[in-house]
N, C-alpha and C. Protein backbone atom coordinates (compact mmCIF):
# COMPACT_ATOMS: atom_id res chain seq x y z
N MET A 1 -1.61 8.21 7.32
CA MET A 1 -0.27 8.73 7.11
C MET A 1 0.48 8.72 8.44
N ILE A 2 1.71 8.28 8.42
CA ILE A 2 2.54 8.26 9.62
C ILE A 2 3.14 9.66 9.83
N THR A 3 3.09 10.12 11.06
CA THR A 3 3.59 11.47 11.34
C THR A 3 4.70 11.46 12.38
N ASP A 4 5.50 10.40 12.40
CA ASP A 4 6.62 10.36 13.34
C ASP A 4 7.56 11.51 13.03
N ASP A 5 8.07 12.13 14.08
CA ASP A 5 9.04 13.20 13.90
C ASP A 5 10.40 12.62 13.52
N PHE A 6 11.17 13.39 12.77
CA PHE A 6 12.52 12.97 12.44
C PHE A 6 13.38 13.03 13.69
N SER A 7 14.33 12.13 13.77
CA SER A 7 15.30 12.21 14.85
C SER A 7 16.21 13.40 14.58
N THR A 8 16.91 13.83 15.57
CA THR A 8 17.84 14.95 15.42
C THR A 8 18.90 14.61 14.38
N GLU A 9 19.32 13.36 14.36
CA GLU A 9 20.33 12.92 13.39
C GLU A 9 19.81 13.07 11.96
N VAL A 10 18.58 12.64 11.72
CA VAL A 10 18.00 12.75 10.38
C VAL A 10 17.79 14.21 10.01
N GLU A 11 17.32 15.02 10.94
CA GLU A 11 17.16 16.45 10.67
C GLU A 11 18.49 17.09 10.27
N THR A 12 19.55 16.72 10.97
CA THR A 12 20.88 17.26 10.65
C THR A 12 21.32 16.81 9.27
N ARG A 13 21.11 15.53 8.95
CA ARG A 13 21.50 15.03 7.63
C ARG A 13 20.69 15.71 6.52
N LEU A 14 19.39 15.90 6.75
CA LEU A 14 18.56 16.60 5.75
C LEU A 14 19.02 18.04 5.56
N ASN A 15 19.28 18.71 6.67
CA ASN A 15 19.76 20.09 6.58
C ASN A 15 21.07 20.16 5.81
N ASP A 16 21.99 19.27 6.11
CA ASP A 16 23.27 19.24 5.39
C ASP A 16 23.06 18.92 3.91
N PHE A 17 22.18 17.98 3.62
CA PHE A 17 21.91 17.58 2.24
C PHE A 17 21.39 18.77 1.44
N PHE A 18 20.40 19.48 1.97
CA PHE A 18 19.80 20.58 1.23
C PHE A 18 20.62 21.87 1.31
N THR A 19 21.60 21.91 2.18
CA THR A 19 22.50 23.06 2.25
C THR A 19 23.73 22.84 1.38
N ASP A 20 24.31 21.64 1.46
CA ASP A 20 25.58 21.36 0.80
C ASP A 20 25.47 20.67 -0.56
N LYS A 21 24.40 19.92 -0.80
CA LYS A 21 24.34 19.07 -1.99
C LYS A 21 23.43 19.61 -3.08
N ILE A 22 22.18 19.91 -2.75
CA ILE A 22 21.21 20.31 -3.76
C ILE A 22 20.17 21.21 -3.12
N ASN A 23 19.70 22.17 -3.89
CA ASN A 23 18.67 23.09 -3.44
C ASN A 23 17.34 22.35 -3.29
N TYR A 24 16.62 22.63 -2.21
CA TYR A 24 15.37 21.91 -1.96
C TYR A 24 14.33 22.16 -3.04
N LYS A 25 14.33 23.33 -3.66
CA LYS A 25 13.37 23.61 -4.73
C LYS A 25 13.71 22.79 -5.98
N GLU A 26 14.99 22.63 -6.28
CA GLU A 26 15.40 21.79 -7.40
C GLU A 26 15.00 20.34 -7.14
N MET A 27 15.18 19.90 -5.90
CA MET A 27 14.83 18.53 -5.54
C MET A 27 13.33 18.30 -5.68
N ALA A 28 12.54 19.23 -5.23
CA ALA A 28 11.09 19.11 -5.35
C ALA A 28 10.68 19.04 -6.82
N LYS A 29 11.33 19.84 -7.65
CA LYS A 29 11.03 19.83 -9.09
C LYS A 29 11.37 18.46 -9.69
N MET A 30 12.53 17.91 -9.33
CA MET A 30 12.93 16.61 -9.84
C MET A 30 11.95 15.52 -9.41
N ILE A 31 11.53 15.57 -8.17
CA ILE A 31 10.58 14.56 -7.67
C ILE A 31 9.29 14.62 -8.47
N ARG A 32 8.81 15.83 -8.71
CA ARG A 32 7.57 15.99 -9.49
C ARG A 32 7.75 15.50 -10.92
N GLU A 33 8.88 15.82 -11.54
CA GLU A 33 9.12 15.40 -12.92
C GLU A 33 9.20 13.88 -13.03
N VAL A 34 9.94 13.26 -12.13
CA VAL A 34 10.08 11.81 -12.16
C VAL A 34 8.73 11.14 -11.88
N ASN A 35 7.99 11.68 -10.93
CA ASN A 35 6.66 11.15 -10.62
C ASN A 35 5.76 11.23 -11.85
N ASN A 36 5.81 12.34 -12.54
CA ASN A 36 5.01 12.52 -13.74
C ASN A 36 5.39 11.51 -14.82
N VAL A 37 6.67 11.37 -15.08
CA VAL A 37 7.13 10.45 -16.13
C VAL A 37 6.78 9.01 -15.77
N LEU A 38 7.01 8.63 -14.52
CA LEU A 38 6.69 7.25 -14.12
C LEU A 38 5.20 6.98 -14.22
N SER A 39 4.38 7.94 -13.83
CA SER A 39 2.93 7.77 -13.93
C SER A 39 2.51 7.62 -15.39
N LEU A 40 3.02 8.49 -16.24
CA LEU A 40 2.69 8.40 -17.66
C LEU A 40 3.20 7.11 -18.27
N CYS A 41 4.36 6.66 -17.82
CA CYS A 41 4.93 5.41 -18.33
C CYS A 41 4.01 4.25 -18.02
N VAL A 42 3.49 4.21 -16.83
CA VAL A 42 2.58 3.13 -16.45
C VAL A 42 1.30 3.19 -17.28
N MET A 43 0.79 4.40 -17.49
CA MET A 43 -0.47 4.53 -18.22
C MET A 43 -0.32 4.35 -19.73
N ARG A 44 0.87 4.61 -20.26
CA ARG A 44 1.05 4.61 -21.71
C ARG A 44 2.09 3.60 -22.20
N ASP A 45 2.31 2.55 -21.47
CA ASP A 45 3.28 1.53 -21.87
C ASP A 45 4.67 2.08 -22.14
N CYS A 46 5.10 3.03 -21.37
CA CYS A 46 6.45 3.59 -21.38
C CYS A 46 6.88 4.28 -22.67
N GLU A 47 5.96 4.61 -23.53
CA GLU A 47 6.36 5.32 -24.74
C GLU A 47 6.77 6.76 -24.42
N ILE A 48 6.32 7.29 -23.29
CA ILE A 48 6.63 8.67 -22.92
C ILE A 48 8.02 8.80 -22.29
N ILE A 49 8.60 7.72 -21.82
CA ILE A 49 9.86 7.78 -21.10
C ILE A 49 10.97 8.41 -21.93
N LYS A 50 10.93 8.24 -23.24
CA LYS A 50 11.95 8.81 -24.11
C LYS A 50 11.91 10.33 -24.14
N PHE A 51 10.73 10.88 -23.90
CA PHE A 51 10.55 12.32 -24.07
C PHE A 51 10.23 13.04 -22.76
N GLY A 52 10.04 12.32 -21.68
CA GLY A 52 9.56 12.90 -20.43
C GLY A 52 10.55 13.79 -19.72
N VAL A 53 11.48 13.22 -19.05
CA VAL A 53 12.44 13.99 -18.26
C VAL A 53 13.78 13.95 -18.98
N LYS A 54 14.28 15.11 -19.32
CA LYS A 54 15.55 15.19 -20.04
C LYS A 54 16.69 14.62 -19.20
N ASN A 55 16.65 14.86 -17.92
CA ASN A 55 17.74 14.43 -17.05
C ASN A 55 17.25 13.39 -16.06
N ILE A 56 16.59 12.35 -16.54
CA ILE A 56 16.04 11.35 -15.62
C ILE A 56 17.14 10.64 -14.85
N ASP A 57 18.31 10.48 -15.46
CA ASP A 57 19.41 9.85 -14.73
C ASP A 57 19.87 10.73 -13.58
N ASP A 58 19.92 12.04 -13.78
CA ASP A 58 20.29 12.97 -12.72
C ASP A 58 19.23 12.96 -11.61
N SER A 59 17.98 12.96 -12.01
CA SER A 59 16.89 12.92 -11.03
C SER A 59 16.94 11.63 -10.23
N PHE A 60 17.19 10.52 -10.90
CA PHE A 60 17.30 9.24 -10.23
C PHE A 60 18.43 9.27 -9.20
N TYR A 61 19.56 9.85 -9.58
CA TYR A 61 20.70 9.97 -8.67
C TYR A 61 20.32 10.72 -7.40
N TRP A 62 19.68 11.89 -7.57
CA TRP A 62 19.35 12.73 -6.42
C TRP A 62 18.25 12.12 -5.57
N LEU A 63 17.31 11.43 -6.16
CA LEU A 63 16.28 10.75 -5.37
C LEU A 63 16.91 9.66 -4.50
N ASN A 64 17.88 8.94 -5.05
CA ASN A 64 18.58 7.94 -4.26
C ASN A 64 19.41 8.57 -3.16
N LYS A 65 20.05 9.70 -3.45
CA LYS A 65 20.81 10.41 -2.42
C LYS A 65 19.90 10.84 -1.27
N LEU A 66 18.70 11.35 -1.61
CA LEU A 66 17.75 11.75 -0.58
C LEU A 66 17.32 10.55 0.25
N ALA A 67 17.06 9.43 -0.40
CA ALA A 67 16.68 8.22 0.32
C ALA A 67 17.77 7.81 1.30
N GLU A 68 19.03 7.94 0.90
CA GLU A 68 20.14 7.60 1.78
C GLU A 68 20.24 8.56 2.97
N VAL A 69 19.88 9.81 2.75
CA VAL A 69 19.87 10.78 3.85
C VAL A 69 18.80 10.39 4.86
N LEU A 70 17.62 10.03 4.35
CA LEU A 70 16.51 9.69 5.23
C LEU A 70 16.72 8.38 5.96
N ASP A 71 17.24 7.39 5.26
CA ASP A 71 17.43 6.06 5.86
C ASP A 71 18.63 5.39 5.19
N PRO A 72 19.84 5.64 5.73
CA PRO A 72 21.05 5.09 5.11
C PRO A 72 20.98 3.57 4.98
N TYR A 73 21.23 3.13 3.77
CA TYR A 73 21.20 1.70 3.49
C TYR A 73 22.43 1.30 2.69
N LEU A 74 22.76 2.10 1.71
CA LEU A 74 23.88 1.76 0.82
C LEU A 74 25.23 2.15 1.40
N ASP A 75 25.26 3.06 2.36
CA ASP A 75 26.52 3.52 2.94
C ASP A 75 27.09 2.55 3.95
N ALA A 76 26.44 1.43 4.19
CA ALA A 76 26.87 0.48 5.22
C ALA A 76 28.21 -0.11 4.91
């Protein structure tokens, strides 16, 4: 596992993200839910995706937002 420290810029963006955009506990819950659904989808030929996460589109949105905070790619 890589244990590089975040730069000050990334720490600031993460702090702003979890202060201004979404609660970190809600984000952790979404990550776990999406991980669960994706895992089940792989194991069960995606039949569970219809019933897994009620707000998978919302979870997908916030996971992408977090990715952009960590390593901006789409904001270019």
